[in-house]
Amino acid sequence: MMNTTVNTKEAPEITVQIGKRIKTLRLQHNMSQEQLALEAGIDRSYVGQVERFEKNVTVVTLQKIAHSLGLTINEFLDFEKE
């Protein structure tokens, strides 16, 4: 079986920051990955991959995710609010 775990040292810092921010905000909103994916119009497995730093998210998808969490993309990218 292939190991698909991504070490945070291997992923670009911004990918890690975005993945952590999505997960943190999703949990603060008491949303499952499936609920967030449904609201954003994306696949649930994709949400998990982004949260695990396995996928880079596009700006368009990031905007959909932010909107689903009640944020603008600017608010989402304000990492100092964490």
C-alpha atoms as a PDB file:
ATOM      1  CA  MET A   1       0.000   0.000   0.000  1.00  0.00           C
ATOM      2  CA  MET A   2       1.326   3.434  -0.947  1.00  0.00           C
ATOM      3  CA  ASN A   3       1.839   6.029   1.793  1.00  0.00           C
ATOM      4  CA  THR A   4      -0.051   9.194   0.800  1.00  0.00           C
ATOM      5  CA  THR A   5       0.731  11.212   3.923  1.00  0.00           C
ATOM      6  CA  VAL A   6       2.350  14.527   3.045  1.00  0.00           C
ATOM      7  CA  ASN A   7       4.961  15.843   5.424  1.00  0.00           C
ATOM      8  CA  THR A   8       4.413  19.531   6.139  1.00  0.00           C
ATOM      9  CA  LYS A   9       8.123  20.007   5.414  1.00  0.00           C
ATOM     10  CA  GLU A  10       7.481  18.836   1.838  1.00  0.00           C
ATOM     11  CA  ALA A  11       4.469  21.074   1.166  1.00  0.00           C
ATOM     12  CA  PRO A  12       4.920  24.767   0.390  1.00  0.00           C
ATOM     13  CA  GLU A  13       4.235  26.953   3.432  1.00  0.00           C
ATOM     14  CA  ILE A  14       1.217  28.645   1.834  1.00  0.00           C
ATOM     15  CA  THR A  15      -0.324  25.231   1.084  1.00  0.00           C
ATOM     16  CA  VAL A  16       0.059  24.273   4.743  1.00  0.00           C
ATOM     17  CA  GLN A  17      -1.337  27.614   5.956  1.00  0.00           C
ATOM     18  CA  ILE A  18      -4.383  27.357   3.693  1.00  0.00           C
ATOM     19  CA  GLY A  19      -5.058  23.725   4.609  1.00  0.00           C
ATOM     20  CA  LYS A  20      -4.842  24.471   8.323  1.00  0.00           C
ATOM     21  CA  ARG A  21      -7.008  27.579   7.973  1.00  0.00           C
ATOM     22  CA  ILE A  22      -9.741  25.698   6.114  1.00  0.00           C
ATOM     23  CA  LYS A  23      -9.811  22.966   8.731  1.00  0.00           C
ATOM     24  CA  THR A  24      -9.781  25.419  11.653  1.00  0.00           C
ATOM     25  CA  LEU A  25     -12.590  27.531  10.213  1.00  0.00           C
ATOM     26  CA  ARG A  26     -14.604  24.483   9.152  1.00  0.00           C
ATOM     27  CA  LEU A  27     -14.452  23.075  12.679  1.00  0.00           C
ATOM     28  CA  GLN A  28     -15.306  26.479  14.195  1.00  0.00           C
ATOM     29  CA  HIS A  29     -18.434  26.438  12.031  1.00  0.00           C
ATOM     30  CA  ASN A  30     -19.188  22.862  13.161  1.00  0.00           C
ATOM     31  CA  MET A  31     -19.089  21.700   9.555  1.00  0.00           C
ATOM     32  CA  SER A  32     -18.003  18.330   8.278  1.00  0.00           C
ATOM     33  CA  GLN A  33     -15.831  18.083   5.181  1.00  0.00           C
ATOM     34  CA  GLU A  34     -18.916  16.838   3.359  1.00  0.00           C
ATOM     35  CA  GLN A  35     -21.014  19.844   4.446  1.00  0.00           C
ATOM     36  CA  LEU A  36     -18.318  22.303   3.401  1.00  0.00           C
ATOM     37  CA  ALA A  37     -17.854  20.546   0.072  1.00  0.00           C
ATOM     38  CA  LEU A  38     -21.590  20.555  -0.625  1.00  0.00           C
ATOM     39  CA  GLU A  39     -21.894  24.247   0.255  1.00  0.00           C
ATOM     40  CA  ALA A  40     -18.861  25.157  -1.874  1.00  0.00           C
ATOM     41  CA  GLY A  41     -19.818  22.911  -4.800  1.00  0.00           C
ATOM     42  CA  ILE A  42     -16.642  20.831  -4.631  1.00  0.00           C
ATOM     43  CA  ASP A  43     -15.841  17.178  -3.920  1.00  0.00           C
ATOM     44  CA  ARG A  44     -15.557  16.067  -0.281  1.00  0.00           C
ATOM     45  CA  SER A  45     -12.368  14.145  -0.945  1.00  0.00           C
ATOM     46  CA  TYR A  46     -10.828  17.332  -2.369  1.00  0.00           C
ATOM     47  CA  VAL A  47     -11.517  19.180   0.910  1.00  0.00           C
ATOM     48  CA  GLY A  48      -9.661  16.442   2.792  1.00  0.00           C
ATOM     49  CA  GLN A  49      -6.753  16.537   0.371  1.00  0.00           C
ATOM     50  CA  VAL A  50      -6.422  20.312   0.752  1.00  0.00           C
ATOM     51  CA  GLU A  51      -6.612  20.033   4.552  1.00  0.00           C
ATOM     52  CA  ARG A  52      -3.854  17.380   4.439  1.00  0.00           C
ATOM     53  CA  PHE A  53      -1.712  19.577   2.147  1.00  0.00           C
ATOM     54  CA  GLU A  54      -1.937  17.064  -0.695  1.00  0.00           C
ATOM     55  CA  LYS A  55      -3.553  19.452  -3.185  1.00  0.00           C
ATOM     56  CA  ASN A  56      -3.052  23.089  -4.074  1.00  0.00           C
ATOM     57  CA  VAL A  57      -6.320  24.971  -4.166  1.00  0.00           C
ATOM     58  CA  THR A  58      -7.145  27.354  -7.016  1.00  0.00           C
ATOM     59  CA  VAL A  59      -8.146  30.934  -6.296  1.00  0.00           C
ATOM     60  CA  VAL A  60     -11.655  30.273  -7.636  1.00  0.00           C
ATOM     61  CA  THR A  61     -12.097  27.249  -5.358  1.00  0.00           C
ATOM     62  CA  LEU A  62     -10.620  29.138  -2.417  1.00  0.00           C
ATOM     63  CA  GLN A  63     -13.182  31.888  -2.984  1.00  0.00           C
ATOM     64  CA  LYS A  64     -15.990  29.281  -2.967  1.00  0.00           C
ATOM     65  CA  ILE A  65     -14.662  27.785   0.279  1.00  0.00           C
ATOM     66  CA  ALA A  66     -14.281  31.192   1.927  1.00  0.00           C
ATOM     67  CA  HIS A  67     -17.806  32.175   0.887  1.00  0.00           C
ATOM     68  CA  SER A  68     -19.147  28.887   2.279  1.00  0.00           C
ATOM     69  CA  LEU A  69     -17.515  29.809   5.593  1.00  0.00           C
ATOM     70  CA  GLY A  70     -19.089  33.277   5.539  1.00  0.00           C
ATOM     71  CA  LEU A  71     -15.860  35.074   4.653  1.00  0.00           C
ATOM     72  CA  THR A  72     -14.482  37.097   1.810  1.00  0.00           C
ATOM     73  CA  ILE A  73     -11.281  35.771   0.299  1.00  0.00           C
ATOM     74  CA  ASN A  74      -9.425  38.693   1.949  1.00  0.00           C
ATOM     75  CA  GLU A  75     -10.798  37.728   5.361  1.00  0.00           C
ATOM     76  CA  PHE A  76      -9.896  34.098   4.734  1.00  0.00           C
ATOM     77  CA  LEU A  77      -6.316  35.007   3.859  1.00  0.00           C
ATOM     78  CA  ASP A  78      -5.857  37.083   7.024  1.00  0.00           C
ATOM     79  CA  PHE A  79      -3.795  34.395   8.765  1.00  0.00           C
ATOM     80  CA  GLU A  80      -3.108  36.653  11.738  1.00  0.00           C
ATOM     81  CA  LYS A  81      -6.730  36.222  12.852  1.00  0.00           C
ATOM     82  CA  GLU A  82      -6.061  32.567  13.721  1.00  0.00           C
END
